[in-house]
Structure formats: structure tokens, C-alpha cells
């Protein structure tokens, strides 16, 4: 009998006219059944399962034993279609570079690299399995995809370099920025920036002060933050103090900052440990010392803040 086997799956592709090639021809047909639209049940077993069903296919894992010994990486099938062994046997197909198989166990495609079965990116539960996993709501040219692990899905978003901007919802609501500044969208609506909208509160008192003088008593009409260290705030007097004199800023009756004029000084020094955050309707007061300085006169204050 003269039978020629092909270079790829190693089965009959030719025979001499008149030859009896039924055995080889049946092998060829079984190979088609195994490898065409190839799919395997698993690729992690090292020994045959206990009760295989006709047509069960596997990729054999490393260091196999039993009937699979010496067949690592091969595709194997349990077949009862071989007339020579009707009770069933395992047949093996050594893979060639580029063979493609779908593994039912982990829903992933694998290709044979020539040395190993390698997963194709896009399968499995942690990578993009198909376009049905992607949510594209009116995507722009600059949109990109990212995987949201908490939602177990892919979404599109506008990257920082894109011409469009999603808005303040991109920033945590609690974020107040450096130095107590609020966050806003810039004029071009392309990015976030620290707010440059000031809220400066000023008061002046002509002449010499009085004991327990109330210089400010206001309920603020809008939310305002006065930053720690009283950045940009000022205090000045036309006539210097005789002795150290301290004024107190209060929020709802609680001190949050002081201003001190040193003896012979005309410039006040602010002390403020932390941001003073006012909601609309909060009371702001500026109170003089219980005993007014005898010479400090024509003094004024500017408390610099930013609208929240």
C-alpha cells in the first residue's frame, strides 16, 4: 500500500490507485472531526479523566501520566469511532506552530507558538472578551477605553489631552485645592484650575479704638473659605500702638484667627492655624481687645478669602 501523509496534521493526503487505504482514510476523517473548529474541554489535566465520552478533547498539560504519558502539549481525543478499538482509545495530535484552539474551561482562545499554548488577549474574565463588554456612549475621536474593575466592564473616557472636558464631576466633592482655594473649570473648559475668585472682607475704624469694640458682625451671604495663615490678609494702622494689641476673628462665637499690633507697630500680624470654612449664614465677627490701646488709631483690616 502506498499512502502519503500531509505535512501539517500528518494524515493521508494521497494513495496509489487501487490501494486499500480505508484505515488511513478513517484516521483522516477523525482528524477533521477533532481539529476542524477546534475546541477542548480543558488544558490543565495531566491524566485521562475517568469516564470520557466519545469526542471529548483535551490539551494535555505538562508531565502527563497513564495513557497520556509522553504526550504533553498534544491535543488528544477519546474516540470509539476506530473500528480496530470499538471500546475506545485516546488518539493524539502533536500541535504545529499557529494551531488555534478554544478552551471551554476558561473561555479563552489559545494558539500554539511552537513551544507552548499561549492565550490570546481578549479572552477570560479579566480581559476584554468582545465588543459586547464595551460601553461607548457617543465617543469622540480622542476618547480611549479603560477597564473599570469595580464595575467589571470597559468604558470610554476623555483623557486629559483631549479637547473636550467632562466637568467638575471629575473632581472629588471634598477637594478644596491648595491654600483653601476652590476648584473650577477654566475658561476654555479643558481642565480644572484653582479658583481665582476672591472674597475679600474689609473694615476700617477711624480714630482711637474703644473697649470691647465690635468691628465686624456679619452673617455671610455665601459659602467662603479663609485659608490658613491668613494668606494675603492685611492689617494696618495710621498711628502706632503704645503696647501689644490683639484683635480676634470669630466664626459663630469661636476664635479662628487673631491680629496683633506690636508696641510701636503700625502693621498687624495674623495668626491662623487652619482654614476657616464658612457656609452661607454663618456668623463672622471681628472683636477688639477688652481694653483699647491708648494710641492705636485709624486702623483697618482686610481678610482675604475665596468663594467656595
C-alpha atoms as a PDB file:
ATOM      1  CA  UNK A   1       0.000   0.000   0.000  1.00  0.00           C
ATOM      2  CA  UNK A   2       1.321   3.413  -0.929  1.00  0.00           C
ATOM      3  CA  UNK A   3      -0.073   6.224   1.260  1.00  0.00           C
ATOM      4  CA  UNK A   4       1.306   9.783   1.511  1.00  0.00           C
ATOM      5  CA  UNK A   5       0.722  11.817   4.671  1.00  0.00           C
ATOM      6  CA  UNK A   6       0.428  15.608   4.672  1.00  0.00           C
ATOM      7  CA  UNK A   7       2.985  17.921   6.357  1.00  0.00           C
ATOM      8  CA  UNK A   8       0.512  19.642   8.734  1.00  0.00           C
ATOM      9  CA  UNK A   9      -1.727  17.160  10.556  1.00  0.00           C
ATOM     10  CA  UNK A  10       0.218  14.093   9.414  1.00  0.00           C
ATOM     11  CA  UNK A  11      -2.732  12.265   7.879  1.00  0.00           C
ATOM     12  CA  UNK A  12      -3.293  10.743   4.443  1.00  0.00           C
ATOM     13  CA  UNK A  13      -3.449  13.132   1.539  1.00  0.00           C
ATOM     14  CA  UNK A  14      -2.782  10.641  -1.282  1.00  0.00           C
ATOM     15  CA  UNK A  15      -2.660   6.902  -2.110  1.00  0.00           C
ATOM     16  CA  UNK A  16      -1.957   4.837  -5.177  1.00  0.00           C
ATOM     17  CA  UNK A  17      -4.968   3.980  -7.317  1.00  0.00           C
ATOM     18  CA  UNK A  18      -6.397   0.643  -6.272  1.00  0.00           C
ATOM     19  CA  UNK A  19      -4.710   0.640  -2.858  1.00  0.00           C
ATOM     20  CA  UNK A  20      -6.746  -0.388   0.137  1.00  0.00           C
ATOM     21  CA  UNK A  21      -6.487   2.740   2.300  1.00  0.00           C
ATOM     22  CA  UNK A  22      -9.641   2.522   4.408  1.00  0.00           C
ATOM     23  CA  UNK A  23      -7.735   2.565   7.736  1.00  0.00           C
ATOM     24  CA  UNK A  24      -5.771   5.713   6.836  1.00  0.00           C
ATOM     25  CA  UNK A  25      -8.828   7.349   5.345  1.00  0.00           C
ATOM     26  CA  UNK A  26     -10.791   6.837   8.550  1.00  0.00           C
ATOM     27  CA  UNK A  27      -7.893   8.394  10.512  1.00  0.00           C
ATOM     28  CA  UNK A  28      -8.102  11.411   8.217  1.00  0.00           C
ATOM     29  CA  UNK A  29     -11.834  11.781   8.811  1.00  0.00           C
ATOM     30  CA  UNK A  30     -11.362  11.509  12.588  1.00  0.00           C
ATOM     31  CA  UNK A  31      -8.645  14.169  12.430  1.00  0.00           C
ATOM     32  CA  UNK A  32     -11.052  16.516  10.650  1.00  0.00           C
ATOM     33  CA  UNK A  33     -13.594  15.917  13.404  1.00  0.00           C
ATOM     34  CA  UNK A  34     -11.026  16.724  16.103  1.00  0.00           C
ATOM     35  CA  UNK A  35      -9.190  19.694  14.619  1.00  0.00           C
ATOM     36  CA  UNK A  36     -11.764  21.486  12.460  1.00  0.00           C
ATOM     37  CA  UNK A  37     -13.428  24.169  14.631  1.00  0.00           C
ATOM     38  CA  UNK A  38     -11.111  23.001  17.403  1.00  0.00           C
ATOM     39  CA  UNK A  39     -12.310  23.252  20.981  1.00  0.00           C
ATOM     40  CA  UNK A  40     -11.107  21.425  24.086  1.00  0.00           C
ATOM     41  CA  UNK A  41     -12.735  20.809  27.437  1.00  0.00           C
ATOM     42  CA  UNK A  42      -9.608  21.676  29.432  1.00  0.00           C
ATOM     43  CA  UNK A  43      -5.863  22.217  29.153  1.00  0.00           C
ATOM     44  CA  UNK A  44      -4.837  21.547  32.752  1.00  0.00           C
ATOM     45  CA  UNK A  45      -5.222  17.775  33.107  1.00  0.00           C
ATOM     46  CA  UNK A  46      -2.158  15.531  33.324  1.00  0.00           C
ATOM     47  CA  UNK A  47      -4.043  12.218  33.329  1.00  0.00           C
ATOM     48  CA  UNK A  48      -7.080  10.958  31.428  1.00  0.00           C
ATOM     49  CA  UNK A  49     -10.484  11.614  33.051  1.00  0.00           C
ATOM     50  CA  UNK A  50     -12.324   8.621  34.450  1.00  0.00           C
ATOM     51  CA  UNK A  51     -15.359   8.374  32.168  1.00  0.00           C
ATOM     52  CA  UNK A  52     -14.680  10.102  28.851  1.00  0.00           C
ATOM     53  CA  UNK A  53     -17.381  10.460  26.218  1.00  0.00           C
ATOM     54  CA  UNK A  54     -16.773   9.874  22.540  1.00  0.00           C
ATOM     55  CA  UNK A  55     -15.324  13.074  21.061  1.00  0.00           C
ATOM     56  CA  UNK A  56     -14.010  14.577  24.336  1.00  0.00           C
ATOM     57  CA  UNK A  57     -10.935  16.651  23.520  1.00  0.00           C
ATOM     58  CA  UNK A  58      -8.144  17.994  25.744  1.00  0.00           C
ATOM     59  CA  UNK A  59      -4.828  19.778  25.536  1.00  0.00           C
ATOM     60  CA  UNK A  60      -2.501  17.676  27.679  1.00  0.00           C
ATOM     61  CA  UNK A  61      -0.683  19.544  30.459  1.00  0.00           C
ATOM     62  CA  UNK A  62       2.980  19.113  31.386  1.00  0.00           C
ATOM     63  CA  UNK A  63       4.314  15.821  32.797  1.00  0.00           C
ATOM     64  CA  UNK A  64       1.326  13.647  31.860  1.00  0.00           C
ATOM     65  CA  UNK A  65       0.832  10.124  33.190  1.00  0.00           C
ATOM     66  CA  UNK A  66      -1.069   6.965  32.352  1.00  0.00           C
ATOM     67  CA  UNK A  67      -2.371   6.671  28.816  1.00  0.00           C
ATOM     68  CA  UNK A  68      -1.237  10.265  28.195  1.00  0.00           C
ATOM     69  CA  UNK A  69       2.413   9.731  29.184  1.00  0.00           C
ATOM     70  CA  UNK A  70       4.835  11.408  26.798  1.00  0.00           C
ATOM     71  CA  UNK A  71       2.104  13.445  25.072  1.00  0.00           C
ATOM     72  CA  UNK A  72       2.478  16.821  26.808  1.00  0.00           C
ATOM     73  CA  UNK A  73       1.076  19.733  24.739  1.00  0.00           C
ATOM     74  CA  UNK A  74      -0.680  17.370  22.309  1.00  0.00           C
ATOM     75  CA  UNK A  75      -4.371  17.569  21.531  1.00  0.00           C
ATOM     76  CA  UNK A  76      -5.999  14.284  22.483  1.00  0.00           C
ATOM     77  CA  UNK A  77      -9.444  12.870  21.780  1.00  0.00           C
ATOM     78  CA  UNK A  78     -11.337   9.928  23.232  1.00  0.00           C
ATOM     79  CA  UNK A  79     -12.789   8.077  20.270  1.00  0.00           C
ATOM     80  CA  UNK A  80     -14.929   4.967  19.852  1.00  0.00           C
ATOM     81  CA  UNK A  81     -15.032   5.506  16.080  1.00  0.00           C
ATOM     82  CA  UNK A  82     -11.902   3.454  15.340  1.00  0.00           C
ATOM     83  CA  UNK A  83     -13.138   0.030  14.143  1.00  0.00           C
ATOM     84  CA  UNK A  84      -9.958  -1.517  15.482  1.00  0.00           C
ATOM     85  CA  UNK A  85     -10.799  -0.427  19.039  1.00  0.00           C
ATOM     86  CA  UNK A  86     -14.577  -0.044  19.343  1.00  0.00           C
ATOM     87  CA  UNK A  87     -14.378   0.128  23.146  1.00  0.00           C
ATOM     88  CA  UNK A  88     -12.492   3.434  22.796  1.00  0.00           C
ATOM     89  CA  UNK A  89      -8.943   4.771  22.891  1.00  0.00           C
ATOM     90  CA  UNK A  90      -7.056   8.039  23.177  1.00  0.00           C
ATOM     91  CA  UNK A  91      -5.687   9.431  19.896  1.00  0.00           C
ATOM     92  CA  UNK A  92      -3.092  12.214  19.868  1.00  0.00           C
ATOM     93  CA  UNK A  93      -2.275  15.116  17.587  1.00  0.00           C
ATOM     94  CA  UNK A  94       1.067  16.862  18.109  1.00  0.00           C
ATOM     95  CA  UNK A  95       0.469  20.588  17.551  1.00  0.00           C
ATOM     96  CA  UNK A  96       2.072  22.667  14.810  1.00  0.00           C
ATOM     97  CA  UNK A  97       3.024  26.329  15.127  1.00  0.00           C
ATOM     98  CA  UNK A  98      -0.044  28.504  14.606  1.00  0.00           C
ATOM     99  CA  UNK A  99      -2.731  25.982  15.551  1.00  0.00           C
ATOM    100  CA  UNK A 100      -5.705  27.676  17.203  1.00  0.00           C
ATOM    101  CA  UNK A 101      -7.963  26.055  19.850  1.00  0.00           C
ATOM    102  CA  UNK A 102     -10.758  27.352  22.092  1.00  0.00           C
ATOM    103  CA  UNK A 103     -10.633  26.206  25.729  1.00  0.00           C
ATOM    104  CA  UNK A 104     -14.160  25.847  27.130  1.00  0.00           C
ATOM    105  CA  UNK A 105     -12.960  25.771  30.768  1.00  0.00           C
ATOM    106  CA  UNK A 106     -11.669  29.368  30.796  1.00  0.00           C
ATOM    107  CA  UNK A 107     -13.465  30.725  27.689  1.00  0.00           C
ATOM    108  CA  UNK A 108     -10.155  31.630  26.073  1.00  0.00           C
ATOM    109  CA  UNK A 109      -8.579  31.053  22.670  1.00  0.00           C
ATOM    110  CA  UNK A 110      -5.047  29.606  22.639  1.00  0.00           C
ATOM    111  CA  UNK A 111      -2.527  29.427  19.823  1.00  0.00           C
ATOM    112  CA  UNK A 112       0.496  27.165  19.667  1.00  0.00           C
ATOM    113  CA  UNK A 113       3.662  29.262  19.469  1.00  0.00           C
ATOM    114  CA  UNK A 114       5.886  26.349  18.543  1.00  0.00           C
ATOM    115  CA  UNK A 115       6.841  25.711  22.155  1.00  0.00           C
ATOM    116  CA  UNK A 116       3.688  26.393  24.225  1.00  0.00           C
ATOM    117  CA  UNK A 117      -0.039  27.026  24.118  1.00  0.00           C
ATOM    118  CA  UNK A 118      -0.464  30.776  24.643  1.00  0.00           C
ATOM    119  CA  UNK A 119      -3.658  32.656  25.491  1.00  0.00           C
ATOM    120  CA  UNK A 120      -4.848  35.241  23.007  1.00  0.00           C
ATOM    121  CA  UNK A 121      -5.507  38.600  24.711  1.00  0.00           C
ATOM    122  CA  UNK A 122      -9.207  39.290  24.838  1.00  0.00           C
ATOM    123  CA  UNK A 123     -10.382  36.049  26.418  1.00  0.00           C
ATOM    124  CA  UNK A 124     -11.070  35.151  30.016  1.00  0.00           C
ATOM    125  CA  UNK A 125     -12.730  37.039  32.796  1.00  0.00           C
ATOM    126  CA  UNK A 126     -10.130  39.758  33.358  1.00  0.00           C
ATOM    127  CA  UNK A 127      -9.615  40.958  29.811  1.00  0.00           C
ATOM    128  CA  UNK A 128     -11.786  42.326  27.066  1.00  0.00           C
ATOM    129  CA  UNK A 129     -13.855  39.376  25.829  1.00  0.00           C
ATOM    130  CA  UNK A 130     -15.586  41.175  22.975  1.00  0.00           C
ATOM    131  CA  UNK A 131     -17.320  44.295  21.818  1.00  0.00           C
ATOM    132  CA  UNK A 132     -20.336  43.466  23.969  1.00  0.00           C
ATOM    133  CA  UNK A 133     -18.217  44.308  27.024  1.00  0.00           C
ATOM    134  CA  UNK A 134     -17.535  47.841  25.768  1.00  0.00           C
ATOM    135  CA  UNK A 135     -19.795  50.787  26.517  1.00  0.00           C
ATOM    136  CA  UNK A 136     -19.304  53.596  24.012  1.00  0.00           C
ATOM    137  CA  UNK A 137     -21.718  56.463  24.582  1.00  0.00           C
ATOM    138  CA  UNK A 138     -21.203  58.936  21.731  1.00  0.00           C
ATOM    139  CA  UNK A 139     -17.426  58.500  21.689  1.00  0.00           C
ATOM    140  CA  UNK A 140     -15.298  61.381  20.460  1.00  0.00           C
ATOM    141  CA  UNK A 141     -12.139  60.991  18.406  1.00  0.00           C
ATOM    142  CA  UNK A 142      -9.993  61.483  21.494  1.00  0.00           C
ATOM    143  CA  UNK A 143     -11.860  59.011  23.723  1.00  0.00           C
ATOM    144  CA  UNK A 144      -9.969  55.969  24.977  1.00  0.00           C
ATOM    145  CA  UNK A 145     -11.077  52.767  26.688  1.00  0.00           C
ATOM    146  CA  UNK A 146     -10.269  51.763  30.246  1.00  0.00           C
ATOM    147  CA  UNK A 147     -11.334  48.797  32.348  1.00  0.00           C
ATOM    148  CA  UNK A 148     -13.409  49.616  35.459  1.00  0.00           C
ATOM    149  CA  UNK A 149     -12.577  46.748  37.808  1.00  0.00           C
ATOM    150  CA  UNK A 150     -15.306  47.579  40.317  1.00  0.00           C
ATOM    151  CA  UNK A 151     -17.957  47.531  37.588  1.00  0.00           C
ATOM    152  CA  UNK A 152     -16.335  44.648  35.653  1.00  0.00           C
ATOM    153  CA  UNK A 153     -16.730  46.415  32.346  1.00  0.00           C
ATOM    154  CA  UNK A 154     -14.950  48.632  29.848  1.00  0.00           C
ATOM    155  CA  UNK A 155     -15.873  52.294  29.426  1.00  0.00           C
ATOM    156  CA  UNK A 156     -14.726  55.208  27.318  1.00  0.00           C
ATOM    157  CA  UNK A 157     -13.410  58.396  28.902  1.00  0.00           C
ATOM    158  CA  UNK A 158     -11.921  61.695  27.762  1.00  0.00           C
ATOM    159  CA  UNK A 159      -8.189  61.775  28.538  1.00  0.00           C
ATOM    160  CA  UNK A 160      -6.534  64.916  29.907  1.00  0.00           C
ATOM    161  CA  UNK A 161      -5.095  65.771  26.498  1.00  0.00           C
ATOM    162  CA  UNK A 162      -8.478  65.753  24.774  1.00  0.00           C
ATOM    163  CA  UNK A 163     -10.144  68.950  23.589  1.00  0.00           C
ATOM    164  CA  UNK A 164     -13.376  68.210  25.490  1.00  0.00           C
ATOM    165  CA  UNK A 165     -13.776  68.209  29.272  1.00  0.00           C
ATOM    166  CA  UNK A 166     -16.283  66.303  31.393  1.00  0.00           C
ATOM    167  CA  UNK A 167     -16.629  68.964  34.095  1.00  0.00           C
ATOM    168  CA  UNK A 168     -16.373  69.279  37.855  1.00  0.00           C
ATOM    169  CA  UNK A 169     -17.790  65.808  38.348  1.00  0.00           C
ATOM    170  CA  UNK A 170     -14.245  64.589  37.641  1.00  0.00           C
ATOM    171  CA  UNK A 171     -13.012  66.136  40.911  1.00  0.00           C
ATOM    172  CA  UNK A 172     -13.879  64.817  44.375  1.00  0.00           C
ATOM    173  CA  UNK A 173     -16.538  66.997  46.010  1.00  0.00           C
ATOM    174  CA  UNK A 174     -14.349  67.383  49.095  1.00  0.00           C
ATOM    175  CA  UNK A 175     -11.343  68.715  47.189  1.00  0.00           C
ATOM    176  CA  UNK A 176     -10.695  72.351  48.106  1.00  0.00           C
ATOM    177  CA  UNK A 177      -7.303  72.829  46.468  1.00  0.00           C
ATOM    178  CA  UNK A 178      -4.137  74.429  47.798  1.00  0.00           C
ATOM    179  CA  UNK A 179      -4.380  77.233  50.314  1.00  0.00           C
ATOM    180  CA  UNK A 180      -8.129  76.881  50.699  1.00  0.00           C
ATOM    181  CA  UNK A 181      -8.811  77.723  47.059  1.00  0.00           C
ATOM    182  CA  UNK A 182     -11.831  76.183  45.380  1.00  0.00           C
ATOM    183  CA  UNK A 183     -11.743  74.235  42.122  1.00  0.00           C
ATOM    184  CA  UNK A 184     -13.342  75.402  38.875  1.00  0.00           C
ATOM    185  CA  UNK A 185     -13.318  74.686  35.148  1.00  0.00           C
ATOM    186  CA  UNK A 186     -11.041  77.022  33.235  1.00  0.00           C
ATOM    187  CA  UNK A 187     -12.327  79.446  30.606  1.00  0.00           C
ATOM    188  CA  UNK A 188     -11.659  77.035  27.745  1.00  0.00           C
ATOM    189  CA  UNK A 189     -13.484  74.181  29.534  1.00  0.00           C
ATOM    190  CA  UNK A 190     -10.447  71.952  29.012  1.00  0.00           C
ATOM    191  CA  UNK A 191      -9.164  71.465  32.567  1.00  0.00           C
ATOM    192  CA  UNK A 192      -9.604  72.089  36.273  1.00  0.00           C
ATOM    193  CA  UNK A 193      -7.867  75.015  37.926  1.00  0.00           C
ATOM    194  CA  UNK A 194      -7.696  76.611  41.361  1.00  0.00           C
ATOM    195  CA  UNK A 195     -10.275  79.354  41.759  1.00  0.00           C
ATOM    196  CA  UNK A 196      -9.096  82.930  41.362  1.00  0.00           C
ATOM    197  CA  UNK A 197     -12.424  84.399  42.539  1.00  0.00           C
ATOM    198  CA  UNK A 198     -11.575  86.313  45.732  1.00  0.00           C
ATOM    199  CA  UNK A 199     -13.863  87.160  48.601  1.00  0.00           C
ATOM    200  CA  UNK A 200     -12.097  89.943  50.488  1.00  0.00           C
ATOM    201  CA  UNK A 201     -13.772  91.440  53.521  1.00  0.00           C
ATOM    202  CA  UNK A 202     -12.522  94.836  54.693  1.00  0.00           C
ATOM    203  CA  UNK A 203     -13.264  97.118  57.634  1.00  0.00           C
ATOM    204  CA  UNK A 204     -11.754 100.350  58.935  1.00  0.00           C
ATOM    205  CA  UNK A 205     -12.113 102.212  62.207  1.00  0.00           C
ATOM    206  CA  UNK A 206     -11.264 105.942  62.276  1.00  0.00           C
ATOM    207  CA  UNK A 207      -9.715 107.368  65.399  1.00  0.00           C
ATOM    208  CA  UNK A 208      -8.709 105.514  68.547  1.00  0.00           C
ATOM    209  CA  UNK A 209     -10.465 102.224  69.350  1.00  0.00           C
ATOM    210  CA  UNK A 210     -12.847 101.556  72.213  1.00  0.00           C
ATOM    211  CA  UNK A 211     -13.001  98.823  74.837  1.00  0.00           C
ATOM    212  CA  UNK A 212     -14.558  95.564  73.540  1.00  0.00           C
ATOM    213  CA  UNK A 213     -15.020  97.200  70.159  1.00  0.00           C
ATOM    214  CA  UNK A 214     -17.111  95.248  67.614  1.00  0.00           C
ATOM    215  CA  UNK A 215     -15.649  95.917  64.192  1.00  0.00           C
ATOM    216  CA  UNK A 216     -17.451  93.189  62.175  1.00  0.00           C
ATOM    217  CA  UNK A 217     -20.714  91.391  62.962  1.00  0.00           C
ATOM    218  CA  UNK A 218     -21.991  89.774  59.772  1.00  0.00           C
ATOM    219  CA  UNK A 219     -23.868  86.669  58.661  1.00  0.00           C
ATOM    220  CA  UNK A 220     -22.205  85.772  55.384  1.00  0.00           C
ATOM    221  CA  UNK A 221     -24.441  85.542  52.326  1.00  0.00           C
ATOM    222  CA  UNK A 222     -22.399  82.865  50.568  1.00  0.00           C
ATOM    223  CA  UNK A 223     -20.007  80.000  51.330  1.00  0.00           C
ATOM    224  CA  UNK A 224     -16.457  81.285  51.841  1.00  0.00           C
ATOM    225  CA  UNK A 225     -13.119  79.845  52.905  1.00  0.00           C
ATOM    226  CA  UNK A 226     -10.498  81.954  54.677  1.00  0.00           C
ATOM    227  CA  UNK A 227      -7.236  79.995  54.249  1.00  0.00           C
ATOM    228  CA  UNK A 228      -4.805  79.022  56.985  1.00  0.00           C
ATOM    229  CA  UNK A 229      -2.053  81.524  57.810  1.00  0.00           C
ATOM    230  CA  UNK A 230      -4.419  84.248  56.571  1.00  0.00           C
ATOM    231  CA  UNK A 231      -2.668  84.308  53.210  1.00  0.00           C
ATOM    232  CA  UNK A 232      -2.952  87.753  51.557  1.00  0.00           C
ATOM    233  CA  UNK A 233      -4.840  89.228  54.555  1.00  0.00           C
ATOM    234  CA  UNK A 234      -3.615  92.626  55.798  1.00  0.00           C
ATOM    235  CA  UNK A 235      -3.897  94.910  58.838  1.00  0.00           C
ATOM    236  CA  UNK A 236      -2.588  98.496  59.113  1.00  0.00           C
ATOM    237  CA  UNK A 237      -2.883 101.459  61.457  1.00  0.00           C
ATOM    238  CA  UNK A 238      -2.362 105.164  60.839  1.00  0.00           C
ATOM    239  CA  UNK A 239      -0.958 105.677  64.345  1.00  0.00           C
ATOM    240  CA  UNK A 240       1.200 103.077  66.097  1.00  0.00           C
ATOM    241  CA  UNK A 241       0.114 101.236  69.219  1.00  0.00           C
ATOM    242  CA  UNK A 242       1.568 102.019  72.634  1.00  0.00           C
ATOM    243  CA  UNK A 243       1.521  98.369  73.698  1.00  0.00           C
ATOM    244  CA  UNK A 244       0.813  94.978  72.176  1.00  0.00           C
ATOM    245  CA  UNK A 245      -2.787  94.940  70.958  1.00  0.00           C
ATOM    246  CA  UNK A 246      -4.702  91.881  69.702  1.00  0.00           C
ATOM    247  CA  UNK A 247      -7.928  91.685  67.685  1.00  0.00           C
ATOM    248  CA  UNK A 248      -9.871  88.399  67.296  1.00  0.00           C
ATOM    249  CA  UNK A 249     -11.792  86.933  64.348  1.00  0.00           C
ATOM    250  CA  UNK A 250     -14.573  84.507  65.316  1.00  0.00           C
ATOM    251  CA  UNK A 251     -16.829  82.064  63.488  1.00  0.00           C
ATOM    252  CA  UNK A 252     -20.128  81.515  65.278  1.00  0.00           C
ATOM    253  CA  UNK A 253     -18.520  82.675  68.540  1.00  0.00           C
ATOM    254  CA  UNK A 254     -15.342  80.576  68.208  1.00  0.00           C
ATOM    255  CA  UNK A 255     -11.977  82.183  67.509  1.00  0.00           C
ATOM    256  CA  UNK A 256     -10.220  81.115  64.309  1.00  0.00           C
ATOM    257  CA  UNK A 257      -7.655  83.906  63.810  1.00  0.00           C
ATOM    258  CA  UNK A 258      -6.012  86.807  65.639  1.00  0.00           C
ATOM    259  CA  UNK A 259      -4.253  90.006  64.531  1.00  0.00           C
ATOM    260  CA  UNK A 260      -1.602  91.567  66.737  1.00  0.00           C
ATOM    261  CA  UNK A 261      -0.140  95.061  66.580  1.00  0.00           C
ATOM    262  CA  UNK A 262       3.178  95.110  68.414  1.00  0.00           C
ATOM    263  CA  UNK A 263       4.156  98.061  70.591  1.00  0.00           C
ATOM    264  CA  UNK A 264       5.114 100.978  68.332  1.00  0.00           C
ATOM    265  CA  UNK A 265       3.911  98.953  65.341  1.00  0.00           C
ATOM    266  CA  UNK A 266       1.526 100.013  62.575  1.00  0.00           C
ATOM    267  CA  UNK A 267       1.333  96.639  60.741  1.00  0.00           C
ATOM    268  CA  UNK A 268      -0.699  93.792  62.205  1.00  0.00           C
ATOM    269  CA  UNK A 269       0.448  90.154  62.185  1.00  0.00           C
ATOM    270  CA  UNK A 270      -2.134  87.418  61.545  1.00  0.00           C
ATOM    271  CA  UNK A 271      -2.133  84.046  63.281  1.00  0.00           C
ATOM    272  CA  UNK A 272      -4.435  81.355  61.855  1.00  0.00           C
ATOM    273  CA  UNK A 273      -3.747  77.632  62.303  1.00  0.00           C
ATOM    274  CA  UNK A 274      -6.230  76.163  59.800  1.00  0.00           C
ATOM    275  CA  UNK A 275      -8.734  77.008  57.091  1.00  0.00           C
ATOM    276  CA  UNK A 276     -11.891  78.714  58.310  1.00  0.00           C
ATOM    277  CA  UNK A 277     -14.735  77.337  56.203  1.00  0.00           C
ATOM    278  CA  UNK A 278     -17.966  79.331  56.330  1.00  0.00           C
ATOM    279  CA  UNK A 279     -21.313  78.205  54.979  1.00  0.00           C
ATOM    280  CA  UNK A 280     -23.872  80.745  53.865  1.00  0.00           C
ATOM    281  CA  UNK A 281     -25.485  82.174  57.004  1.00  0.00           C
ATOM    282  CA  UNK A 282     -22.518  81.565  59.347  1.00  0.00           C
ATOM    283  CA  UNK A 283     -21.704  84.462  61.675  1.00  0.00           C
ATOM    284  CA  UNK A 284     -18.357  86.264  61.266  1.00  0.00           C
ATOM    285  CA  UNK A 285     -17.120  88.668  63.941  1.00  0.00           C
ATOM    286  CA  UNK A 286     -14.044  90.864  64.483  1.00  0.00           C
ATOM    287  CA  UNK A 287     -13.648  91.995  68.079  1.00  0.00           C
ATOM    288  CA  UNK A 288     -11.223  94.439  69.669  1.00  0.00           C
ATOM    289  CA  UNK A 289      -9.425  93.890  72.991  1.00  0.00           C
ATOM    290  CA  UNK A 290     -11.237  94.341  76.300  1.00  0.00           C
ATOM    291  CA  UNK A 291      -9.052  97.407  76.927  1.00  0.00           C
ATOM    292  CA  UNK A 292      -8.328  99.514  73.871  1.00  0.00           C
ATOM    293  CA  UNK A 293      -4.799 100.767  73.220  1.00  0.00           C
ATOM    294  CA  UNK A 294      -4.397 104.422  74.082  1.00  0.00           C
ATOM    295  CA  UNK A 295      -2.759 105.468  70.802  1.00  0.00           C
ATOM    296  CA  UNK A 296      -3.554 102.854  68.124  1.00  0.00           C
ATOM    297  CA  UNK A 297      -5.739 104.746  65.702  1.00  0.00           C
ATOM    298  CA  UNK A 298      -7.165 104.770  62.169  1.00  0.00           C
ATOM    299  CA  UNK A 299      -6.706 101.024  61.793  1.00  0.00           C
ATOM    300  CA  UNK A 300      -8.205  98.700  59.200  1.00  0.00           C
ATOM    301  CA  UNK A 301      -8.282  95.043  58.240  1.00  0.00           C
ATOM    302  CA  UNK A 302      -8.686  93.083  55.023  1.00  0.00           C
ATOM    303  CA  UNK A 303      -9.480  89.371  55.487  1.00  0.00           C
ATOM    304  CA  UNK A 304      -8.723  87.583  52.206  1.00  0.00           C
ATOM    305  CA  UNK A 305     -10.834  84.568  51.288  1.00  0.00           C
ATOM    306  CA  UNK A 306     -12.172  82.664  48.311  1.00  0.00           C
ATOM    307  CA  UNK A 307     -15.717  81.730  47.364  1.00  0.00           C
ATOM    308  CA  UNK A 308     -16.348  78.038  47.882  1.00  0.00           C
END
